[in-house]
Protein backbone atom coordinates (compact mmCIF):
# COMPACT_ATOMS: atom_id res chain seq x y z
CA MET A 1 -24.71 -16.94 -0.32
CA GLN A 2 -26.28 -15.69 -3.16
CA LYS A 3 -29.40 -14.20 -1.19
CA PHE A 4 -26.11 -12.20 0.73
CA ASN A 5 -26.23 -8.68 -0.41
CA ILE A 6 -23.14 -6.82 -0.25
CA GLY A 7 -22.71 -3.08 -0.89
CA ILE A 8 -19.84 -1.27 -2.19
CA ILE A 9 -19.07 3.00 -1.27
CA GLY A 10 -16.52 4.02 -3.72
CA LEU A 11 -15.94 2.51 -7.30
CA GLY A 12 -12.27 3.23 -7.21
CA GLY A 13 -9.58 0.75 -7.90
CA ILE A 14 -10.23 -1.15 -4.63
CA GLY A 15 -13.83 -0.94 -4.91
CA GLY A 16 -14.14 -1.79 -8.51
CA LEU A 17 -11.73 -5.21 -8.29
CA LEU A 18 -14.14 -5.94 -5.00
CA ALA A 19 -16.88 -6.02 -6.87
CA VAL A 20 -16.10 -7.65 -9.98
CA LEU A 21 -14.40 -10.56 -7.71
CA LEU A 22 -17.35 -11.02 -5.69
CA GLY A 23 -20.09 -10.56 -8.71
CA ASN A 24 -18.18 -13.32 -10.40
CA LYS A 25 -18.87 -15.74 -7.33
CA ASN A 26 -22.80 -15.26 -7.54
CA PHE A 27 -22.70 -12.36 -4.82
CA LYS A 28 -25.56 -9.73 -5.24
CA VAL A 29 -23.36 -6.55 -5.57
CA PHE A 30 -24.32 -2.73 -5.04
CA THR A 31 -22.53 0.26 -5.43
CA SER A 32 -23.85 3.72 -3.88
CA LYS A 33 -22.47 5.49 -7.27
CA LYS A 34 -25.30 6.11 -9.32
CA ILE A 35 -24.68 4.09 -12.42
CA LYS A 36 -26.68 2.84 -15.36
CA LYS A 37 -29.03 0.15 -15.10
CA ASN A 38 -27.50 -3.16 -14.62
CA SER A 39 -23.96 -2.05 -15.45
CA THR A 40 -21.21 -4.41 -16.44
CA LEU A 41 -17.67 -3.72 -14.51
CA TYR A 42 -14.69 -5.26 -16.67
CA LEU A 43 -11.46 -6.41 -14.45
CA LYS A 44 -7.80 -7.00 -16.09
CA SER A 45 -5.84 -8.94 -13.76
CA LYS A 46 -2.25 -10.31 -13.56
CA PHE A 47 -3.62 -12.79 -10.99
CA TYR A 48 -7.38 -13.44 -11.40
CA GLY A 49 -7.49 -12.88 -15.25
CA ASN A 50 -9.87 -11.01 -17.58
CA LEU A 51 -13.73 -11.00 -15.56
CA LYS A 52 -16.73 -9.17 -15.61
CA THR A 53 -19.70 -8.83 -13.44
CA ASN A 54 -23.00 -6.67 -13.57
CA ILE A 55 -23.73 -4.28 -10.55
CA LYS A 56 -26.68 -2.80 -9.59
CA TYR A 57 -27.41 0.88 -8.12
CA ASP A 58 -28.89 1.38 -4.56
CA LYS A 59 -28.64 4.87 -3.39
CA ASN A 60 -29.18 4.00 0.50
CA LEU A 61 -27.36 0.36 0.33
CA LYS A 62 -30.18 -0.21 3.28
CA LYS A 63 -30.84 -3.84 2.43
CA MET A 64 -27.29 -4.71 2.35
CA ASP A 65 -26.02 -7.16 4.98
CA LEU A 66 -22.43 -6.28 4.35
CA ILE A 67 -20.66 -2.75 3.29
CA PHE A 68 -17.27 -2.25 1.82
CA VAL A 69 -16.50 1.25 2.24
CA CYS A 70 -13.54 1.73 -0.59
CA SER A 71 -14.07 5.81 -1.10
CA LYS A 72 -11.18 8.06 -0.94
CA TYR A 73 -11.13 9.88 1.75
CA PRO A 74 -11.50 13.34 0.38
CA TYR A 75 -14.86 12.12 -0.98
CA LEU A 76 -15.92 10.29 2.12
CA GLN A 77 -18.52 12.46 3.92
CA LYS A 78 -20.03 13.09 0.51
CA ASN A 79 -20.19 9.36 -0.30
CA LEU A 80 -21.76 8.52 3.01
CA LYS A 81 -24.51 11.30 2.90
CA PHE A 82 -27.36 9.21 1.53
CA ILE A 83 -26.22 5.86 3.05
CA SER A 84 -28.96 4.59 5.70
CA ASN A 85 -28.31 0.89 7.31
CA SER A 86 -28.13 0.34 10.72
CA LYS A 87 -27.74 -3.64 10.19
CA ALA A 88 -24.71 -4.28 8.37
CA LEU A 89 -21.53 -4.99 9.00
CA ILE A 90 -18.91 -2.10 7.67
CA ILE A 91 -15.56 -3.19 6.37
CA PRO A 92 -13.09 -0.18 5.73
CA PHE A 93 -10.33 -0.15 3.04
CA LEU A 94 -9.35 3.75 2.93
CA ASN A 95 -5.58 4.82 3.40
CA GLY A 96 -4.27 6.54 6.29
CA LEU A 97 -6.08 7.29 9.71
CA SER A 98 -8.42 10.25 9.46
CA HIS A 99 -11.23 8.15 8.22
CA PHE A 100 -11.81 6.08 11.27
CA GLU A 101 -13.31 9.05 13.43
CA ILE A 102 -15.81 9.75 10.54
CA LEU A 103 -17.05 5.95 10.03
CA GLU A 104 -17.36 5.41 13.76
CA LYS A 105 -19.65 8.24 14.09
CA LYS A 106 -21.99 7.05 11.10
CA PHE A 107 -21.71 3.20 11.90
CA GLY A 108 -20.87 2.55 15.18
CA LYS A 109 -20.13 -1.08 16.73
CA LYS A 110 -21.04 -2.38 13.00
CA LEU A 111 -17.77 -0.97 12.07
CA LEU A 112 -14.80 -3.23 12.03
CA THR A 113 -11.06 -1.77 11.80
CA SER A 114 -9.35 -3.46 8.59
CA THR A 115 -6.99 -2.90 5.92
CA ILE A 116 -6.35 -4.26 2.32
CA GLY A 117 -2.77 -3.98 1.43
CA LYS A 118 0.02 -5.73 -1.03
CA VAL A 119 -2.15 -4.67 -3.88
CA GLU A 120 -1.99 -1.98 -6.63
CA SER A 121 -5.53 -1.73 -8.49
CA LYS A 122 -6.38 1.24 -10.66
CA LYS A 123 -9.76 2.60 -12.15
CA VAL A 124 -9.50 3.09 -16.23
CA ASN A 125 -12.66 4.62 -16.40
CA LYS A 126 -15.96 4.31 -15.39
CA ASN A 127 -16.59 0.69 -15.75
CA LYS A 128 -12.62 -0.72 -16.07
CA PHE A 129 -10.32 -1.70 -13.59
CA ILE A 130 -6.40 -3.18 -13.61
CA HIS A 131 -5.18 -5.28 -10.93
CA VAL A 132 -1.33 -5.19 -11.78
CA SER A 133 -0.05 -7.00 -9.00
CA SER A 134 1.19 -10.56 -9.22
CA ASP A 135 -0.07 -11.64 -6.19
CA LYS A 136 -3.35 -11.84 -4.58
CA PRO A 137 -4.17 -9.00 -2.10
CA GLU A 138 -4.10 -9.18 1.91
CA VAL A 139 -6.85 -7.75 4.20
CA LEU A 140 -5.91 -7.42 7.94
CA ILE A 141 -8.75 -7.18 10.13
CA ASN A 142 -9.58 -7.25 13.83
CA PHE A 143 -13.28 -8.27 14.24
CA GLY A 144 -14.28 -5.98 17.55
CA ASN A 145 -17.17 -7.46 19.33
CA ILE A 146 -18.94 -9.49 16.49
CA ASN A 147 -20.20 -13.15 16.97
CA LYS A 148 -18.84 -16.24 15.46
CA LYS A 149 -21.33 -16.43 13.25
CA GLN A 150 -20.53 -13.39 11.54
CA LYS A 151 -16.80 -14.16 11.87
CA LYS A 152 -17.25 -17.39 10.11
CA LEU A 153 -19.41 -15.44 7.27
CA LEU A 154 -16.33 -12.92 6.58
CA LEU A 155 -13.67 -15.47 6.37
CA LYS A 156 -15.89 -17.60 3.99
CA ILE A 157 -16.34 -14.74 1.97
CA PHE A 158 -12.54 -13.76 1.55
CA LYS A 159 -12.13 -17.49 0.88
CA ILE A 160 -14.63 -17.77 -2.07
CA ILE A 161 -12.97 -14.56 -3.81
CA ASP A 162 -9.65 -15.70 -3.10
CA ILE A 163 -8.19 -12.74 -0.87
CA LYS A 164 -6.02 -13.38 2.29
CA ILE A 165 -7.08 -12.60 5.20
CA LYS A 166 -5.40 -12.30 8.80
CA VAL A 167 -7.23 -11.76 11.96
CA ILE A 168 -5.11 -9.69 14.32
CA LYS A 169 -6.48 -9.23 17.83
CA ASN A 170 -4.83 -5.48 18.32
CA ARG A 171 -7.11 -2.89 16.84
CA ASN A 172 -4.00 -0.48 16.27
CA LYS A 173 -1.36 -2.80 14.83
CA VAL A 174 -4.26 -3.25 12.03
CA ILE A 175 -3.85 0.29 11.32
CA TRP A 176 -0.44 0.75 11.69
CA ILE A 177 1.08 -2.55 9.69
CA LYS A 178 0.13 -1.01 6.48
CA LEU A 179 0.09 2.72 7.69
CA ILE A 180 3.74 2.58 8.10
CA ARG A 181 5.28 1.38 5.01
CA LEU A 182 1.95 3.14 2.64
CA SER A 183 2.70 6.56 4.34
CA ALA A 184 6.60 5.86 3.56
CA ILE A 185 6.25 4.77 -0.01
CA SER A 186 3.43 7.36 -1.05
CA ALA A 187 5.41 10.06 0.40
CA MET A 188 8.36 9.20 -1.21
CA THR A 189 6.65 8.37 -4.90
CA SER A 190 5.02 11.79 -4.48
CA LEU A 191 7.72 13.69 -4.03
CA TYR A 192 9.72 12.66 -6.85
CA ASN A 193 6.95 11.31 -8.86
CA CYS A 194 8.50 7.97 -9.46
CA ASN A 195 8.18 4.65 -9.15
CA LEU A 196 9.34 2.31 -6.17
CA GLY A 197 12.23 1.07 -8.50
CA LYS A 198 13.93 4.73 -8.89
CA ILE A 199 13.54 4.97 -5.15
CA ARG A 200 15.53 1.68 -5.14
CA ASN A 201 17.83 2.56 -7.27
CA SER A 202 18.97 5.96 -5.55
CA ARG A 203 20.62 6.04 -2.40
CA ILE A 204 19.37 9.19 -1.53
CA LYS A 205 15.97 8.12 -2.37
CA PHE A 206 16.30 4.83 -0.74
CA ASN A 207 17.96 6.53 2.39
CA LYS A 208 15.06 8.78 3.02
CA LEU A 209 12.40 5.95 2.48
CA ASN A 210 14.36 4.27 5.36
CA SER A 211 14.30 7.15 7.31
CA LEU A 212 10.83 7.62 7.13
CA LEU A 213 9.87 3.78 8.26
CA LYS A 214 12.00 4.33 11.05
CA GLU A 215 10.42 7.63 12.13
CA SER A 216 6.85 6.19 11.84
CA VAL A 217 7.85 2.83 13.54
CA LYS A 218 8.83 5.22 16.80
CA LEU A 219 5.87 7.38 16.42
CA SER A 220 4.25 3.83 16.55
CA LYS A 221 6.09 2.52 19.71
CA LYS A 222 5.30 6.04 21.52
CA ILE A 223 1.88 6.09 21.03
CA PHE A 224 0.78 2.53 20.97
CA LYS A 225 3.47 0.43 22.39
CA ASN A 226 3.77 -1.50 18.99
CA ASP A 227 6.84 -3.51 18.74
CA PHE A 228 7.61 -3.23 14.89
CA LYS A 229 10.94 -4.38 13.45
CA ILE A 230 12.24 -2.47 10.64
CA ASN A 231 13.77 -5.53 9.04
CA GLU A 232 10.55 -6.88 8.91
CA ILE A 233 8.84 -3.96 7.34
CA GLN A 234 11.72 -3.80 4.64
CA LYS A 235 11.25 -7.42 3.60
CA VAL A 236 7.71 -6.93 2.89
CA ILE A 237 8.39 -3.79 0.80
CA ASN A 238 11.46 -5.83 -1.11
CA ASN A 239 8.69 -8.11 -2.75
CA PHE A 240 6.67 -4.95 -4.36
CA PRO A 241 7.75 -4.53 -7.59
CA ASP A 242 9.83 -1.98 -9.07
CA GLU A 243 7.01 -0.78 -11.14
CA LEU A 244 4.73 0.67 -7.88
CA THR A 245 2.96 3.76 -8.17
CA THR A 246 0.54 5.44 -5.38
CA SER A 247 -2.75 6.89 -5.69
CA LEU A 248 -1.29 9.84 -3.63
CA GLN A 249 1.48 10.33 -6.14
CA ARG A 250 -1.26 10.14 -9.10
CA ASP A 251 -3.46 12.69 -7.43
CA ILE A 252 -1.33 14.98 -6.76
CA ALA A 253 0.59 14.80 -9.99
CA LEU A 254 -2.77 15.21 -11.75
CA LYS A 255 -3.78 18.35 -9.56
CA LYS A 256 -6.47 16.14 -7.91
CA LYS A 257 -7.89 16.08 -4.20
CA SER A 258 -5.58 13.73 -2.79
CA GLU A 259 -5.04 12.03 0.45
CA LEU A 260 -1.76 13.87 1.66
CA GLU A 261 -3.42 15.01 5.04
CA THR A 262 -4.83 11.52 6.31
CA GLN A 263 -1.98 9.73 4.56
CA VAL A 264 0.98 11.85 5.65
CA GLY A 265 0.00 14.98 7.66
CA SER A 266 -1.93 12.59 10.25
CA LEU A 267 1.70 11.26 11.26
CA VAL A 268 2.86 14.66 11.48
CA LYS A 269 -0.05 16.12 13.41
CA LEU A 270 0.28 13.22 16.00
CA SER A 271 4.15 13.51 16.25
CA ASN A 272 3.64 17.12 17.26
CA LYS A 273 0.69 15.73 19.65
CA TYR A 274 3.02 13.42 21.40
CA LYS A 275 6.16 15.23 20.82
CA VAL A 276 7.96 12.55 18.92
CA SER A 277 10.72 14.32 16.19
CA LEU A 278 9.88 13.10 12.46
CA PRO A 279 12.13 15.67 10.57
CA THR A 280 11.81 13.49 7.22
CA TYR A 281 8.24 13.51 7.35
CA LYS A 282 7.91 16.91 8.18
CA LYS A 283 10.23 18.26 5.70
CA ILE A 284 8.41 16.23 3.16
CA TYR A 285 4.85 16.64 4.25
CA PHE A 286 5.14 20.70 3.78
CA ARG A 287 6.92 20.35 0.36
CA LEU A 288 4.08 18.07 -0.81
CA LYS A 289 1.47 20.50 0.40
CA LYS A 290 3.21 23.30 -1.12
CA ASN A 291 3.09 21.65 -4.30
CA GLU A 292 -0.70 20.66 -3.94
CA LYS A 293 -1.37 24.33 -3.48
CA ASN A 294 0.74 25.29 -7.03
């Protein structure tokens, strides 16, 4: 395993968390982001404790065996520009929908369908990260056409770094299981610029959140025949802490480039294409879009 080279595109909250966890288990970890030679990354985590690791810079990630794509969507094209690797397996951990088409064009059959959820991890500065979740993250993945050896290897890696992994045969379910709850929570926290607890404690806000969940479940069922149950999604959200905030919320509040289009706008566009009514989503999306411009 020590000879196994792992690349990370995007050293944000999730990329930083992965880099430190992998480095602490003696994997050779590289980033495509230009950093000082042998930079040290620091992680403060409720679940994993305080850890640190060294990470190396490789502009092209050409010799990697595995690459995690953790870039935020607005910066994805730029971060992929110099990546040159035709052999590595590609595991994307981006939010929303829009990134899959870009990554499929770049990496073809080497791209797996995956998401990481039940995790809140933030970048404090260039070298410091905070993982505020009390439990281990959960990865959902569809292995596509990779061989048994590669499957076993990936399962082993996630076990070694203590991240829960669920293998799902339906590719679309991998995407929508997280998307349904993420889009709704991100839309609400961004609209009111508050944490999840304040949404729970307001009947009006809480009802809006549930409306968003119902609308996205309806959309998913119409397009992909997915059979998600609202009460099961609500049970998962009920386990999230009151202090939960979202990256979309923080980016909009700070006037940064955000993932509004891929997390929320993509659902609105699909609703128009497939003629599914999403009145709550549309209203919130256009309000947030207006807020971004102001």
